[in-house]
Amino acid sequence: MVAAFAVLVATLSLAAPPADPYAAALDAFRAQRFEEAYGFLEQAFAKEPLPVYVFNMGRAREEQGRFEDAAVL
């Protein structure tokens, strides 16, 4: 029972949005987790719509080989 609770707590803490989604995006990008980076960049853009977030969203899509998706951003 205690182990199940620990797993639940760990899962819930992973689902919580980061305090600084842009920093999380940079970490994910450096680790080549481009889909995750894109998601964090979307969160950052929702908080503050800066052009750098859109640029980096395009870069994440380029790194995934999704060139057409990158072009429409």
N, C-alpha and C. Protein backbone atom coordinates (compact mmCIF):
# COMPACT_ATOMS: atom_id res chain seq x y z
N MET A 1 0.81 -1.18 0.00
CA MET A 1 0.00 0.00 0.00
C MET A 1 0.86 1.26 0.00
N VAL A 2 1.91 1.27 0.80
CA VAL A 2 2.81 2.42 0.86
C VAL A 2 3.52 2.60 -0.48
N ALA A 3 3.93 1.49 -1.08
CA ALA A 3 4.62 1.57 -2.38
C ALA A 3 3.69 2.13 -3.44
N ALA A 4 2.43 1.73 -3.43
CA ALA A 4 1.46 2.25 -4.39
C ALA A 4 1.27 3.74 -4.20
N PHE A 5 1.22 4.19 -2.97
CA PHE A 5 1.09 5.61 -2.68
C PHE A 5 2.31 6.37 -3.18
N ALA A 6 3.49 5.83 -2.99
CA ALA A 6 4.72 6.48 -3.46
C ALA A 6 4.72 6.62 -4.97
N VAL A 7 4.26 5.60 -5.67
CA VAL A 7 4.18 5.65 -7.13
C VAL A 7 3.18 6.72 -7.56
N LEU A 8 2.04 6.80 -6.88
CA LEU A 8 1.02 7.79 -7.20
C LEU A 8 1.57 9.20 -7.00
N VAL A 9 2.25 9.44 -5.91
CA VAL A 9 2.83 10.76 -5.64
C VAL A 9 3.87 11.11 -6.70
N ALA A 10 4.71 10.17 -7.05
CA ALA A 10 5.72 10.41 -8.08
C ALA A 10 5.07 10.72 -9.42
N THR A 11 4.03 10.02 -9.76
CA THR A 11 3.33 10.25 -11.02
C THR A 11 2.68 11.62 -11.04
N LEU A 12 2.05 12.00 -9.96
CA LEU A 12 1.40 13.31 -9.90
C LEU A 12 2.42 14.44 -9.96
N SER A 13 3.57 14.27 -9.35
CA SER A 13 4.58 15.32 -9.39
C SER A 13 5.16 15.46 -10.79
N LEU A 14 5.20 14.37 -11.56
CA LEU A 14 5.67 14.47 -12.94
C LEU A 14 4.67 15.19 -13.82
N ALA A 15 3.41 15.11 -13.49
CA ALA A 15 2.37 15.71 -14.31
C ALA A 15 2.21 17.20 -14.05
N ALA A 16 2.73 17.70 -12.96
CA ALA A 16 2.60 19.12 -12.64
C ALA A 16 3.43 19.94 -13.62
N PRO A 17 2.87 21.05 -14.09
CA PRO A 17 3.63 21.89 -15.02
C PRO A 17 4.83 22.52 -14.31
N PRO A 18 5.92 22.70 -15.03
CA PRO A 18 7.10 23.29 -14.40
C PRO A 18 6.87 24.77 -14.09
N ALA A 19 7.56 25.25 -13.09
CA ALA A 19 7.45 26.67 -12.73
C ALA A 19 7.97 27.55 -13.87
N ASP A 20 9.00 27.11 -14.54
CA ASP A 20 9.58 27.86 -15.66
C ASP A 20 9.59 26.94 -16.89
N PRO A 21 8.53 26.98 -17.69
CA PRO A 21 8.47 26.06 -18.83
C PRO A 21 9.57 26.31 -19.87
N TYR A 22 10.07 27.53 -19.99
CA TYR A 22 11.13 27.78 -20.96
C TYR A 22 12.42 27.09 -20.53
N ALA A 23 12.74 27.15 -19.24
CA ALA A 23 13.93 26.45 -18.74
C ALA A 23 13.77 24.94 -18.93
N ALA A 24 12.56 24.43 -18.69
CA ALA A 24 12.30 23.01 -18.90
C ALA A 24 12.45 22.65 -20.37
N ALA A 25 12.01 23.55 -21.25
CA ALA A 25 12.14 23.32 -22.69
C ALA A 25 13.61 23.26 -23.10
N LEU A 26 14.41 24.16 -22.56
CA LEU A 26 15.84 24.14 -22.88
C LEU A 26 16.50 22.86 -22.41
N ASP A 27 16.15 22.42 -21.21
CA ASP A 27 16.70 21.15 -20.70
C ASP A 27 16.29 19.99 -21.60
N ALA A 28 15.02 19.94 -21.99
CA ALA A 28 14.54 18.86 -22.86
C ALA A 28 15.22 18.92 -24.22
N PHE A 29 15.39 20.13 -24.75
CA PHE A 29 16.04 20.29 -26.06
C PHE A 29 17.48 19.79 -26.01
N ARG A 30 18.19 20.17 -24.97
CA ARG A 30 19.59 19.73 -24.81
C ARG A 30 19.70 18.21 -24.69
N ALA A 31 18.66 17.60 -24.11
CA ALA A 31 18.64 16.14 -23.96
C ALA A 31 18.05 15.46 -25.19
N GLN A 32 17.77 16.23 -26.22
CA GLN A 32 17.22 15.75 -27.49
C GLN A 32 15.84 15.12 -27.33
N ARG A 33 15.08 15.63 -26.39
CA ARG A 33 13.68 15.24 -26.21
C ARG A 33 12.83 16.35 -26.84
N PHE A 34 12.79 16.36 -28.15
CA PHE A 34 12.24 17.49 -28.89
C PHE A 34 10.72 17.62 -28.77
N GLU A 35 10.02 16.53 -28.68
CA GLU A 35 8.56 16.61 -28.52
C GLU A 35 8.23 17.22 -27.16
N GLU A 36 8.96 16.80 -26.15
CA GLU A 36 8.78 17.35 -24.80
C GLU A 36 9.13 18.84 -24.78
N ALA A 37 10.23 19.19 -25.44
CA ALA A 37 10.63 20.60 -25.52
C ALA A 37 9.55 21.43 -26.17
N TYR A 38 8.96 20.90 -27.25
CA TYR A 38 7.89 21.62 -27.94
C TYR A 38 6.71 21.88 -27.00
N GLY A 39 6.34 20.89 -26.23
CA GLY A 39 5.24 21.05 -25.28
C GLY A 39 5.52 22.12 -24.23
N PHE A 40 6.74 22.13 -23.72
CA PHE A 40 7.11 23.16 -22.74
C PHE A 40 7.13 24.55 -23.39
N LEU A 41 7.56 24.61 -24.64
CA LEU A 41 7.55 25.90 -25.34
C LEU A 41 6.13 26.40 -25.55
N GLU A 42 5.21 25.50 -25.83
CA GLU A 42 3.79 25.89 -25.93
C GLU A 42 3.30 26.48 -24.61
N GLN A 43 3.69 25.85 -23.51
CA GLN A 43 3.29 26.37 -22.20
C GLN A 43 3.90 27.75 -21.95
N ALA A 44 5.17 27.91 -22.30
CA ALA A 44 5.84 29.20 -22.11
C ALA A 44 5.16 30.28 -22.95
N PHE A 45 4.81 29.95 -24.19
CA PHE A 45 4.15 30.90 -25.08
C PHE A 45 2.77 31.28 -24.56
N ALA A 46 2.07 30.32 -23.97
CA ALA A 46 0.74 30.61 -23.40
C ALA A 46 0.85 31.60 -22.24
N LYS A 47 1.94 31.51 -21.48
CA LYS A 47 2.15 32.42 -20.35
C LYS A 47 2.57 33.81 -20.81
N GLU A 48 3.44 33.83 -21.84
CA GLU A 48 3.98 35.09 -22.34
C GLU A 48 4.33 34.90 -23.82
N PRO A 49 3.55 35.46 -24.72
CA PRO A 49 3.73 35.21 -26.16
C PRO A 49 4.94 35.93 -26.77
N LEU A 50 6.11 35.37 -26.54
CA LEU A 50 7.34 35.95 -27.07
C LEU A 50 7.74 35.23 -28.37
N PRO A 51 8.25 35.97 -29.35
CA PRO A 51 8.66 35.36 -30.62
C PRO A 51 9.73 34.28 -30.47
N VAL A 52 10.59 34.39 -29.48
CA VAL A 52 11.65 33.40 -29.30
C VAL A 52 11.07 32.01 -29.04
N TYR A 53 9.91 31.95 -28.39
CA TYR A 53 9.28 30.66 -28.13
C TYR A 53 8.82 30.02 -29.44
N VAL A 54 8.25 30.83 -30.33
CA VAL A 54 7.79 30.31 -31.62
C VAL A 54 8.99 29.85 -32.45
N PHE A 55 10.05 30.63 -32.44
CA PHE A 55 11.27 30.24 -33.16
C PHE A 55 11.78 28.89 -32.67
N ASN A 56 11.84 28.74 -31.36
CA ASN A 56 12.36 27.49 -30.80
C ASN A 56 11.40 26.32 -31.00
N MET A 57 10.10 26.61 -31.08
CA MET A 57 9.14 25.55 -31.43
C MET A 57 9.44 25.04 -32.84
N GLY A 58 9.75 25.97 -33.74
CA GLY A 58 10.13 25.57 -35.09
C GLY A 58 11.41 24.76 -35.10
N ARG A 59 12.37 25.15 -34.29
CA ARG A 59 13.63 24.39 -34.20
C ARG A 59 13.38 22.98 -33.68
N ALA A 60 12.49 22.84 -32.70
CA ALA A 60 12.17 21.51 -32.18
C ALA A 60 11.56 20.65 -33.27
N ARG A 61 10.68 21.23 -34.07
CA ARG A 61 10.07 20.48 -35.18
C ARG A 61 11.13 20.14 -36.23
N GLU A 62 12.05 21.03 -36.51
CA GLU A 62 13.13 20.72 -37.46
C GLU A 62 13.96 19.54 -36.98
N GLU A 63 14.29 19.54 -35.71
CA GLU A 63 15.10 18.45 -35.15
C GLU A 63 14.38 17.11 -35.23
N GLN A 64 13.06 17.14 -35.28
CA GLN A 64 12.27 15.92 -35.41
C GLN A 64 12.11 15.53 -36.88
N GLY A 65 12.60 16.36 -37.78
CA GLY A 65 12.44 16.09 -39.20
C GLY A 65 11.07 16.49 -39.71
N ARG A 66 10.35 17.26 -38.95
CA ARG A 66 9.00 17.71 -39.31
C ARG A 66 9.09 19.11 -39.91
N PHE A 67 9.70 19.20 -41.09
CA PHE A 67 10.02 20.48 -41.70
C PHE A 67 8.78 21.28 -42.09
N GLU A 68 7.76 20.61 -42.58
CA GLU A 68 6.54 21.32 -42.97
C GLU A 68 5.86 21.92 -41.74
N ASP A 69 5.85 21.18 -40.64
CA ASP A 69 5.28 21.72 -39.40
C ASP A 69 6.09 22.91 -38.91
N ALA A 70 7.39 22.84 -39.05
CA ALA A 70 8.25 23.95 -38.62
C ALA A 70 8.00 25.19 -39.47
N ALA A 71 7.73 24.99 -40.74
CA ALA A 71 7.56 26.11 -41.66
C ALA A 71 6.28 26.90 -41.38
N VAL A 72 5.25 26.25 -40.88
CA VAL A 72 3.99 26.97 -40.65
C VAL A 72 3.94 27.70 -39.32
N LEU A 73 4.93 27.51 -38.48
CA LEU A 73 4.97 28.26 -37.24
C LEU A 73 5.41 29.64 -37.57
